[in-house]
Amino acid sequence: MIRRSTLLYLTASLTFATAQERAPVEPSSLPAPDQPVGPVKPSVEKLDKTRYQIGKIIFDQKTREIRFPAKVNMVKGPLEFLLVHENGKVHESLLNTDISPTHLNLVFTLLRYPPSRELYALPNDHGGASNEYPEVPPDVKAGARIAIDLEWKEGEKIKRLPANNLIQHTVKTTAMPAGPWLYGGSEFYDGKFAPETSGDIIAIFTADSALINYPGKDDDNDEVWAPYPKRIPPINTDVTVIITPFSTNKLLPKP
């Protein structure tokens, strides 16, 4: 059961970082958007016995599934992101959305997804990034790994595919390997929540400013990922992003 006191505490603490208008943040390797994402005021609504809603995000307390709307943003060209806010880096993202990254982070917290910092480089003595990374316990690493599916309508039919299937490695000309994405929780810059100011939500090319990153091979290469031809729906197609706990069973072939 999600207690009301817990919701109020988390809502208040996360709202503090987004209570006023902000200037964009300049991550170390990516350009900042032209305009900031606006401030947010989280409120939690109970839909039924196990489902709740914050803004446009619906989440299930029992299954820990998260659902929210997005749109297809690109059908060709290099990708650095799977998903950004509509005021973010839309020139290099497969999808865009108008949900609040702060809302999404609050949902991850309420559903007890532990953030794993394993992809965020530790700072060096000069304030930049070092070549060292935090040590993360195995249970946190496992709990932070998530599956991301995309669902949309084709005519009267509902189609659902893993997000990896809609991204192509342009050198190997194959789909992104099946596997998890990593919830890292992002960063604060000058007391401001980075995804809320940058719009970075789900990154393929590792970004400290993103809530979620791709932890697979070539996550440090910004030139090899693109939309998968003939699999990606047309631009502006409405899609539902579906996040669930990752299980190795998802990698097993169907009987």
C-alpha atoms as a PDB file:
ATOM      1  CA  MET A   1       0.000   0.000   0.000  1.00  0.00           C
ATOM      2  CA  ILE A   2       1.279   3.451  -0.903  1.00  0.00           C
ATOM      3  CA  ARG A   3       0.736   5.572   2.207  1.00  0.00           C
ATOM      4  CA  ARG A   4      -0.586   9.110   1.902  1.00  0.00           C
ATOM      5  CA  SER A   5       2.175  10.416   4.163  1.00  0.00           C
ATOM      6  CA  THR A   6       4.793   8.888   1.864  1.00  0.00           C
ATOM      7  CA  LEU A   7       3.202  10.480  -1.197  1.00  0.00           C
ATOM      8  CA  LEU A   8       3.071  13.892   0.450  1.00  0.00           C
ATOM      9  CA  TYR A   9       6.686  13.735   1.616  1.00  0.00           C
ATOM     10  CA  LEU A  10       8.065  12.610  -1.752  1.00  0.00           C
ATOM     11  CA  THR A  11       5.926  15.086  -3.648  1.00  0.00           C
ATOM     12  CA  ALA A  12       7.076  17.971  -1.490  1.00  0.00           C
ATOM     13  CA  SER A  13      10.754  17.057  -1.653  1.00  0.00           C
ATOM     14  CA  LEU A  14      10.773  16.598  -5.417  1.00  0.00           C
ATOM     15  CA  THR A  15       8.693  19.702  -6.066  1.00  0.00           C
ATOM     16  CA  PHE A  16      11.234  21.840  -4.192  1.00  0.00           C
ATOM     17  CA  ALA A  17      13.781  21.406  -6.991  1.00  0.00           C
ATOM     18  CA  THR A  18      11.289  22.447  -9.674  1.00  0.00           C
ATOM     19  CA  ALA A  19       9.271  25.202  -8.015  1.00  0.00           C
ATOM     20  CA  GLN A  20      10.570  28.056 -10.130  1.00  0.00           C
ATOM     21  CA  GLU A  21      11.410  28.811 -13.752  1.00  0.00           C
ATOM     22  CA  ARG A  22      14.890  27.632 -14.732  1.00  0.00           C
ATOM     23  CA  ALA A  23      17.570  28.195 -17.320  1.00  0.00           C
ATOM     24  CA  PRO A  24      18.721  25.202 -19.377  1.00  0.00           C
ATOM     25  CA  VAL A  25      21.631  23.082 -18.185  1.00  0.00           C
ATOM     26  CA  GLU A  26      24.644  22.397 -20.376  1.00  0.00           C
ATOM     27  CA  PRO A  27      25.621  18.724 -19.898  1.00  0.00           C
ATOM     28  CA  SER A  28      29.277  17.922 -20.566  1.00  0.00           C
ATOM     29  CA  SER A  29      28.769  16.263 -23.955  1.00  0.00           C
ATOM     30  CA  LEU A  30      25.360  17.385 -25.219  1.00  0.00           C
ATOM     31  CA  PRO A  31      23.856  20.738 -26.208  1.00  0.00           C
ATOM     32  CA  ALA A  32      21.196  22.287 -23.985  1.00  0.00           C
ATOM     33  CA  PRO A  33      17.666  22.801 -25.391  1.00  0.00           C
ATOM     34  CA  ASP A  34      16.478  26.194 -26.581  1.00  0.00           C
ATOM     35  CA  GLN A  35      13.993  26.535 -23.743  1.00  0.00           C
ATOM     36  CA  PRO A  36      13.532  25.037 -20.286  1.00  0.00           C
ATOM     37  CA  VAL A  37      10.859  22.584 -19.230  1.00  0.00           C
ATOM     38  CA  GLY A  38       8.337  24.417 -17.061  1.00  0.00           C
ATOM     39  CA  PRO A  39       7.839  23.918 -13.323  1.00  0.00           C
ATOM     40  CA  VAL A  40       5.667  21.025 -12.134  1.00  0.00           C
ATOM     41  CA  LYS A  41       3.181  20.504  -9.301  1.00  0.00           C
ATOM     42  CA  PRO A  42       2.850  16.763  -8.624  1.00  0.00           C
ATOM     43  CA  SER A  43      -0.449  15.360  -7.373  1.00  0.00           C
ATOM     44  CA  VAL A  44      -1.293  11.677  -7.032  1.00  0.00           C
ATOM     45  CA  GLU A  45      -4.698  10.283  -8.025  1.00  0.00           C
ATOM     46  CA  LYS A  46      -5.855   6.755  -7.205  1.00  0.00           C
ATOM     47  CA  LEU A  47      -7.518   5.094 -10.230  1.00  0.00           C
ATOM     48  CA  ASP A  48      -8.453   1.686  -8.835  1.00  0.00           C
ATOM     49  CA  LYS A  49      -7.230  -0.944  -6.386  1.00  0.00           C
ATOM     50  CA  THR A  50      -3.610  -0.972  -7.623  1.00  0.00           C
ATOM     51  CA  ARG A  51      -3.243   1.831 -10.178  1.00  0.00           C
ATOM     52  CA  TYR A  52      -2.365   5.478  -9.589  1.00  0.00           C
ATOM     53  CA  GLN A  53      -1.764   8.500 -11.800  1.00  0.00           C
ATOM     54  CA  ILE A  54       0.618  11.449 -11.560  1.00  0.00           C
ATOM     55  CA  GLY A  55       0.139  13.941 -14.373  1.00  0.00           C
ATOM     56  CA  LYS A  56      -0.123  11.789 -17.503  1.00  0.00           C
ATOM     57  CA  ILE A  57       1.798   8.860 -16.006  1.00  0.00           C
ATOM     58  CA  ILE A  58      -0.171   5.794 -14.890  1.00  0.00           C
ATOM     59  CA  PHE A  59       1.554   3.245 -12.658  1.00  0.00           C
ATOM     60  CA  ASP A  60       0.585  -0.037 -11.047  1.00  0.00           C
ATOM     61  CA  GLN A  61       1.594  -0.606  -7.434  1.00  0.00           C
ATOM     62  CA  LYS A  62       1.306  -4.400  -7.787  1.00  0.00           C
ATOM     63  CA  THR A  63       3.016  -5.085 -11.123  1.00  0.00           C
ATOM     64  CA  ARG A  64       5.264  -1.959 -10.969  1.00  0.00           C
ATOM     65  CA  GLU A  65       4.343  -1.187 -14.579  1.00  0.00           C
ATOM     66  CA  ILE A  66       4.618   2.451 -15.719  1.00  0.00           C
ATOM     67  CA  ARG A  67       2.756   3.864 -18.746  1.00  0.00           C
ATOM     68  CA  PHE A  68       2.818   7.316 -20.318  1.00  0.00           C
ATOM     69  CA  PRO A  69       2.186   8.918 -23.738  1.00  0.00           C
ATOM     70  CA  ALA A  70       4.786   9.948 -26.298  1.00  0.00           C
ATOM     71  CA  LYS A  71       5.065  10.594 -30.039  1.00  0.00           C
ATOM     72  CA  VAL A  72       7.384   9.339 -32.760  1.00  0.00           C
ATOM     73  CA  ASN A  73       9.830  12.168 -33.354  1.00  0.00           C
ATOM     74  CA  MET A  74      12.322  10.791 -35.925  1.00  0.00           C
ATOM     75  CA  VAL A  75      12.278   8.090 -38.596  1.00  0.00           C
ATOM     76  CA  LYS A  76      15.840   8.615 -39.843  1.00  0.00           C
ATOM     77  CA  GLY A  77      19.087  10.203 -38.733  1.00  0.00           C
ATOM     78  CA  PRO A  78      21.505   9.609 -35.836  1.00  0.00           C
ATOM     79  CA  LEU A  79      20.040   9.022 -32.378  1.00  0.00           C
ATOM     80  CA  GLU A  80      21.448   9.893 -28.976  1.00  0.00           C
ATOM     81  CA  PHE A  81      18.153   9.503 -27.105  1.00  0.00           C
ATOM     82  CA  LEU A  82      15.195   7.169 -27.043  1.00  0.00           C
ATOM     83  CA  LEU A  83      13.022   9.813 -25.382  1.00  0.00           C
ATOM     84  CA  VAL A  84      13.248  13.516 -24.543  1.00  0.00           C
ATOM     85  CA  HIS A  85      10.797  16.159 -23.407  1.00  0.00           C
ATOM     86  CA  GLU A  86       9.222  18.043 -26.311  1.00  0.00           C
ATOM     87  CA  ASN A  87      11.273  21.125 -25.300  1.00  0.00           C
ATOM     88  CA  GLY A  88      14.503  19.107 -25.239  1.00  0.00           C
ATOM     89  CA  LYS A  89      16.947  17.709 -27.801  1.00  0.00           C
ATOM     90  CA  VAL A  90      14.326  16.639 -30.333  1.00  0.00           C
ATOM     91  CA  HIS A  91      16.869  16.742 -33.172  1.00  0.00           C
ATOM     92  CA  GLU A  92      18.449  13.500 -31.857  1.00  0.00           C
ATOM     93  CA  SER A  93      15.639  11.556 -30.162  1.00  0.00           C
ATOM     94  CA  LEU A  94      13.400   8.764 -31.443  1.00  0.00           C
ATOM     95  CA  LEU A  95      10.463   9.923 -29.294  1.00  0.00           C
ATOM     96  CA  ASN A  96       9.289  13.051 -27.544  1.00  0.00           C
ATOM     97  CA  THR A  97       6.798  13.550 -24.717  1.00  0.00           C
ATOM     98  CA  ASP A  98       5.193  16.295 -22.659  1.00  0.00           C
ATOM     99  CA  ILE A  99       5.308  14.447 -19.326  1.00  0.00           C
ATOM    100  CA  SER A 100       7.352  15.867 -16.470  1.00  0.00           C
ATOM    101  CA  PRO A 101      10.656  14.068 -15.764  1.00  0.00           C
ATOM    102  CA  THR A 102      10.141  14.934 -12.094  1.00  0.00           C
ATOM    103  CA  HIS A 103       6.801  13.103 -12.145  1.00  0.00           C
ATOM    104  CA  LEU A 104       8.490  10.083 -13.704  1.00  0.00           C
ATOM    105  CA  ASN A 105      11.265  10.074 -11.126  1.00  0.00           C
ATOM    106  CA  LEU A 106       8.664  10.273  -8.362  1.00  0.00           C
ATOM    107  CA  VAL A 107       6.890   7.228  -9.828  1.00  0.00           C
ATOM    108  CA  PHE A 108      10.147   5.243  -9.891  1.00  0.00           C
ATOM    109  CA  THR A 109      10.638   6.146  -6.240  1.00  0.00           C
ATOM    110  CA  LEU A 110       7.114   5.160  -5.227  1.00  0.00           C
ATOM    111  CA  LEU A 111       7.480   1.804  -7.005  1.00  0.00           C
ATOM    112  CA  ARG A 112      10.783   1.125  -5.206  1.00  0.00           C
ATOM    113  CA  TYR A 113      13.064   1.052  -8.246  1.00  0.00           C
ATOM    114  CA  PRO A 114      16.565   1.674  -6.835  1.00  0.00           C
ATOM    115  CA  PRO A 115      18.678   4.070  -8.918  1.00  0.00           C
ATOM    116  CA  SER A 116      22.024   2.606  -9.965  1.00  0.00           C
ATOM    117  CA  ARG A 117      24.810   5.145 -10.386  1.00  0.00           C
ATOM    118  CA  GLU A 118      27.134   2.718 -12.181  1.00  0.00           C
ATOM    119  CA  LEU A 119      27.214   4.665 -15.464  1.00  0.00           C
ATOM    120  CA  TYR A 120      27.822   8.078 -13.897  1.00  0.00           C
ATOM    121  CA  ALA A 121      31.557   8.799 -13.766  1.00  0.00           C
ATOM    122  CA  LEU A 122      32.936  10.041 -10.473  1.00  0.00           C
ATOM    123  CA  PRO A 123      34.340  13.604 -10.492  1.00  0.00           C
ATOM    124  CA  ASN A 124      38.067  14.175 -10.724  1.00  0.00           C
ATOM    125  CA  ASP A 125      40.109  16.651  -8.693  1.00  0.00           C
ATOM    126  CA  HIS A 126      39.425  19.417 -11.218  1.00  0.00           C
ATOM    127  CA  GLY A 127      35.637  19.103 -11.167  1.00  0.00           C
ATOM    128  CA  GLY A 128      35.362  17.170 -14.422  1.00  0.00           C
ATOM    129  CA  ALA A 129      34.571  13.511 -15.000  1.00  0.00           C
ATOM    130  CA  SER A 130      37.123  10.873 -14.072  1.00  0.00           C
ATOM    131  CA  ASN A 131      37.571   7.372 -15.496  1.00  0.00           C
ATOM    132  CA  GLU A 132      36.264   5.860 -12.274  1.00  0.00           C
ATOM    133  CA  TYR A 133      32.708   4.808 -11.509  1.00  0.00           C
ATOM    134  CA  PRO A 134      30.789   4.140  -8.283  1.00  0.00           C
ATOM    135  CA  GLU A 135      30.683   0.638  -6.888  1.00  0.00           C
ATOM    136  CA  VAL A 136      27.059  -0.508  -6.895  1.00  0.00           C
ATOM    137  CA  PRO A 137      25.786  -3.579  -5.001  1.00  0.00           C
ATOM    138  CA  PRO A 138      24.490  -6.412  -7.227  1.00  0.00           C
ATOM    139  CA  ASP A 139      20.951  -6.163  -5.839  1.00  0.00           C
ATOM    140  CA  VAL A 140      20.784  -2.465  -6.731  1.00  0.00           C
ATOM    141  CA  LYS A 141      22.125  -3.145 -10.227  1.00  0.00           C
ATOM    142  CA  ALA A 142      19.481  -5.826 -10.746  1.00  0.00           C
ATOM    143  CA  GLY A 143      16.653  -3.720  -9.339  1.00  0.00           C
ATOM    144  CA  ALA A 144      17.562  -0.704 -11.479  1.00  0.00           C
ATOM    145  CA  ARG A 145      17.326  -2.642 -14.742  1.00  0.00           C
ATOM    146  CA  ILE A 146      14.077  -2.146 -16.613  1.00  0.00           C
ATOM    147  CA  ALA A 147      12.405  -3.264 -19.813  1.00  0.00           C
ATOM    148  CA  ILE A 148      10.978  -0.615 -22.150  1.00  0.00           C
ATOM    149  CA  ASP A 149       8.246  -1.472 -24.667  1.00  0.00           C
ATOM    150  CA  LEU A 150       6.416   0.778 -27.109  1.00  0.00           C
ATOM    151  CA  GLU A 151       2.758   0.312 -28.003  1.00  0.00           C
ATOM    152  CA  TRP A 152       0.765   1.966 -30.810  1.00  0.00           C
ATOM    153  CA  LYS A 153      -2.171   1.413 -33.141  1.00  0.00           C
ATOM    154  CA  GLU A 154      -1.811   0.221 -36.718  1.00  0.00           C
ATOM    155  CA  GLY A 155      -5.299   0.502 -38.148  1.00  0.00           C
ATOM    156  CA  GLU A 156      -7.543  -1.347 -35.695  1.00  0.00           C
ATOM    157  CA  LYS A 157      -4.708  -3.431 -34.284  1.00  0.00           C
ATOM    158  CA  ILE A 158      -2.540  -2.691 -31.272  1.00  0.00           C
ATOM    159  CA  LYS A 159       1.163  -3.330 -31.870  1.00  0.00           C
ATOM    160  CA  ARG A 160       3.713  -3.670 -29.074  1.00  0.00           C
ATOM    161  CA  LEU A 161       7.467  -4.134 -29.448  1.00  0.00           C
ATOM    162  CA  PRO A 162      10.527  -3.739 -27.234  1.00  0.00           C
ATOM    163  CA  ALA A 163      12.028  -0.294 -27.786  1.00  0.00           C
ATOM    164  CA  ASN A 164      15.313  -2.008 -28.734  1.00  0.00           C
ATOM    165  CA  ASN A 165      13.624  -3.490 -31.823  1.00  0.00           C
ATOM    166  CA  LEU A 166      12.968  -0.009 -33.229  1.00  0.00           C
ATOM    167  CA  ILE A 167      16.599   1.124 -32.992  1.00  0.00           C
ATOM    168  CA  GLN A 168      19.222  -0.009 -35.513  1.00  0.00           C
ATOM    169  CA  HIS A 169      22.986  -0.280 -35.237  1.00  0.00           C
ATOM    170  CA  THR A 170      23.948   1.363 -38.511  1.00  0.00           C
ATOM    171  CA  VAL A 171      27.288  -0.452 -38.827  1.00  0.00           C
ATOM    172  CA  LYS A 172      26.015  -3.945 -38.087  1.00  0.00           C
ATOM    173  CA  THR A 173      22.608  -3.100 -39.655  1.00  0.00           C
ATOM    174  CA  THR A 174      20.904  -5.114 -36.919  1.00  0.00           C
ATOM    175  CA  ALA A 175      18.489  -4.084 -34.194  1.00  0.00           C
ATOM    176  CA  MET A 176      19.799  -2.982 -30.821  1.00  0.00           C
ATOM    177  CA  PRO A 177      20.472  -6.184 -28.842  1.00  0.00           C
ATOM    178  CA  ALA A 178      17.694  -7.343 -26.550  1.00  0.00           C
ATOM    179  CA  GLY A 179      18.374  -6.411 -22.970  1.00  0.00           C
ATOM    180  CA  PRO A 180      17.629  -3.960 -20.198  1.00  0.00           C
ATOM    181  CA  TRP A 181      17.788  -0.219 -19.777  1.00  0.00           C
ATOM    182  CA  LEU A 182      19.142   1.311 -16.567  1.00  0.00           C
ATOM    183  CA  TYR A 183      17.337   3.670 -14.190  1.00  0.00           C
ATOM    184  CA  GLY A 184      20.035   5.911 -12.741  1.00  0.00           C
ATOM    185  CA  GLY A 185      18.082   8.759 -11.170  1.00  0.00           C
ATOM    186  CA  SER A 186      20.074  11.496 -12.979  1.00  0.00           C
ATOM    187  CA  GLU A 187      21.821  14.464 -11.327  1.00  0.00           C
ATOM    188  CA  PHE A 188      21.247  17.871  -9.790  1.00  0.00           C
ATOM    189  CA  TYR A 189      23.091  20.860 -11.275  1.00  0.00           C
ATOM    190  CA  ASP A 190      23.230  23.971  -9.103  1.00  0.00           C
ATOM    191  CA  GLY A 191      20.361  22.585  -7.057  1.00  0.00           C
ATOM    192  CA  LYS A 192      18.180  21.931 -10.106  1.00  0.00           C
ATOM    193  CA  PHE A 193      16.987  18.528 -11.294  1.00  0.00           C
ATOM    194  CA  ALA A 194      18.831  17.982 -14.586  1.00  0.00           C
ATOM    195  CA  PRO A 195      16.126  16.113 -16.583  1.00  0.00           C
ATOM    196  CA  GLU A 196      13.595  18.832 -15.772  1.00  0.00           C
ATOM    197  CA  THR A 197      15.815  21.573 -17.189  1.00  0.00           C
ATOM    198  CA  SER A 198      17.482  19.666 -20.043  1.00  0.00           C
ATOM    199  CA  GLY A 199      14.519  17.479 -21.036  1.00  0.00           C
ATOM    200  CA  ASP A 200      16.774  14.379 -21.128  1.00  0.00           C
ATOM    201  CA  ILE A 201      14.737  11.331 -20.108  1.00  0.00           C
ATOM    202  CA  ILE A 202      16.001   8.112 -21.781  1.00  0.00           C
ATOM    203  CA  ALA A 203      19.485   8.246 -23.332  1.00  0.00           C
ATOM    204  CA  ILE A 204      21.145   5.801 -25.725  1.00  0.00           C
ATOM    205  CA  PHE A 205      24.432   7.714 -25.691  1.00  0.00           C
ATOM    206  CA  THR A 206      25.199   7.839 -21.965  1.00  0.00           C
ATOM    207  CA  ALA A 207      24.179  11.160 -20.376  1.00  0.00           C
ATOM    208  CA  ASP A 208      24.410  11.989 -16.670  1.00  0.00           C
ATOM    209  CA  SER A 209      21.477  14.333 -17.198  1.00  0.00           C
ATOM    210  CA  ALA A 210      19.104  11.520 -18.255  1.00  0.00           C
ATOM    211  CA  LEU A 211      16.867   9.546 -15.897  1.00  0.00           C
ATOM    212  CA  ILE A 212      17.463   6.312 -17.806  1.00  0.00           C
ATOM    213  CA  ASN A 213      20.451   5.158 -19.884  1.00  0.00           C
ATOM    214  CA  TYR A 214      21.234   2.304 -22.244  1.00  0.00           C
ATOM    215  CA  PRO A 215      23.911   0.137 -20.563  1.00  0.00           C
ATOM    216  CA  GLY A 216      24.824  -2.009 -23.575  1.00  0.00           C
ATOM    217  CA  LYS A 217      27.737  -2.026 -26.002  1.00  0.00           C
ATOM    218  CA  ASP A 218      28.351   1.216 -27.944  1.00  0.00           C
ATOM    219  CA  ASP A 219      26.554   3.304 -25.330  1.00  0.00           C
ATOM    220  CA  ASP A 220      29.499   5.699 -25.718  1.00  0.00           C
ATOM    221  CA  ASN A 221      29.157   6.042 -29.491  1.00  0.00           C
ATOM    222  CA  ASP A 222      26.876   8.789 -30.807  1.00  0.00           C
ATOM    223  CA  GLU A 223      27.242   7.841 -34.478  1.00  0.00           C
ATOM    224  CA  VAL A 224      25.981   4.255 -34.762  1.00  0.00           C
ATOM    225  CA  TRP A 225      22.325   4.366 -33.658  1.00  0.00           C
ATOM    226  CA  ALA A 226      19.338   5.287 -35.846  1.00  0.00           C
ATOM    227  CA  PRO A 227      15.618   4.479 -36.189  1.00  0.00           C
ATOM    228  CA  TYR A 228      15.113   0.987 -37.614  1.00  0.00           C
ATOM    229  CA  PRO A 229      13.737   1.370 -41.164  1.00  0.00           C
ATOM    230  CA  LYS A 230      10.304  -0.146 -41.838  1.00  0.00           C
ATOM    231  CA  ARG A 231       9.771  -0.857 -38.134  1.00  0.00           C
ATOM    232  CA  ILE A 232       9.345   2.628 -36.796  1.00  0.00           C
ATOM    233  CA  PRO A 233       5.837   4.131 -37.203  1.00  0.00           C
ATOM    234  CA  PRO A 234       5.405   7.461 -39.027  1.00  0.00           C
ATOM    235  CA  ILE A 235       6.385  10.749 -37.399  1.00  0.00           C
ATOM    236  CA  ASN A 236       3.841  12.022 -34.843  1.00  0.00           C
ATOM    237  CA  THR A 237       2.355   8.569 -34.292  1.00  0.00           C
ATOM    238  CA  ASP A 238       1.015   8.384 -30.744  1.00  0.00           C
ATOM    239  CA  VAL A 239       2.802   5.700 -28.749  1.00  0.00           C
ATOM    240  CA  THR A 240       2.594   4.497 -25.167  1.00  0.00           C
ATOM    241  CA  VAL A 241       5.900   3.969 -23.389  1.00  0.00           C
ATOM    242  CA  ILE A 242       5.645   0.945 -21.082  1.00  0.00           C
ATOM    243  CA  ILE A 243       8.263   0.358 -18.387  1.00  0.00           C
ATOM    244  CA  THR A 244       8.399  -2.855 -16.356  1.00  0.00           C
ATOM    245  CA  PRO A 245      10.973  -4.585 -14.137  1.00  0.00           C
ATOM    246  CA  PHE A 246      13.530  -6.385 -16.296  1.00  0.00           C
ATOM    247  CA  SER A 247      13.640 -10.149 -16.158  1.00  0.00           C
ATOM    248  CA  THR A 248      16.124 -12.435 -17.872  1.00  0.00           C
ATOM    249  CA  ASN A 249      13.057 -14.430 -18.928  1.00  0.00           C
ATOM    250  CA  LYS A 250      12.412 -11.693 -21.469  1.00  0.00           C
ATOM    251  CA  LEU A 251      15.519 -12.838 -23.346  1.00  0.00           C
ATOM    252  CA  LEU A 252      14.410 -16.476 -23.642  1.00  0.00           C
ATOM    253  CA  PRO A 253      12.951 -17.591 -26.998  1.00  0.00           C
ATOM    254  CA  LYS A 254       9.237 -18.185 -27.088  1.00  0.00           C
ATOM    255  CA  PRO A 255       8.231 -21.899 -27.079  1.00  0.00           C
END
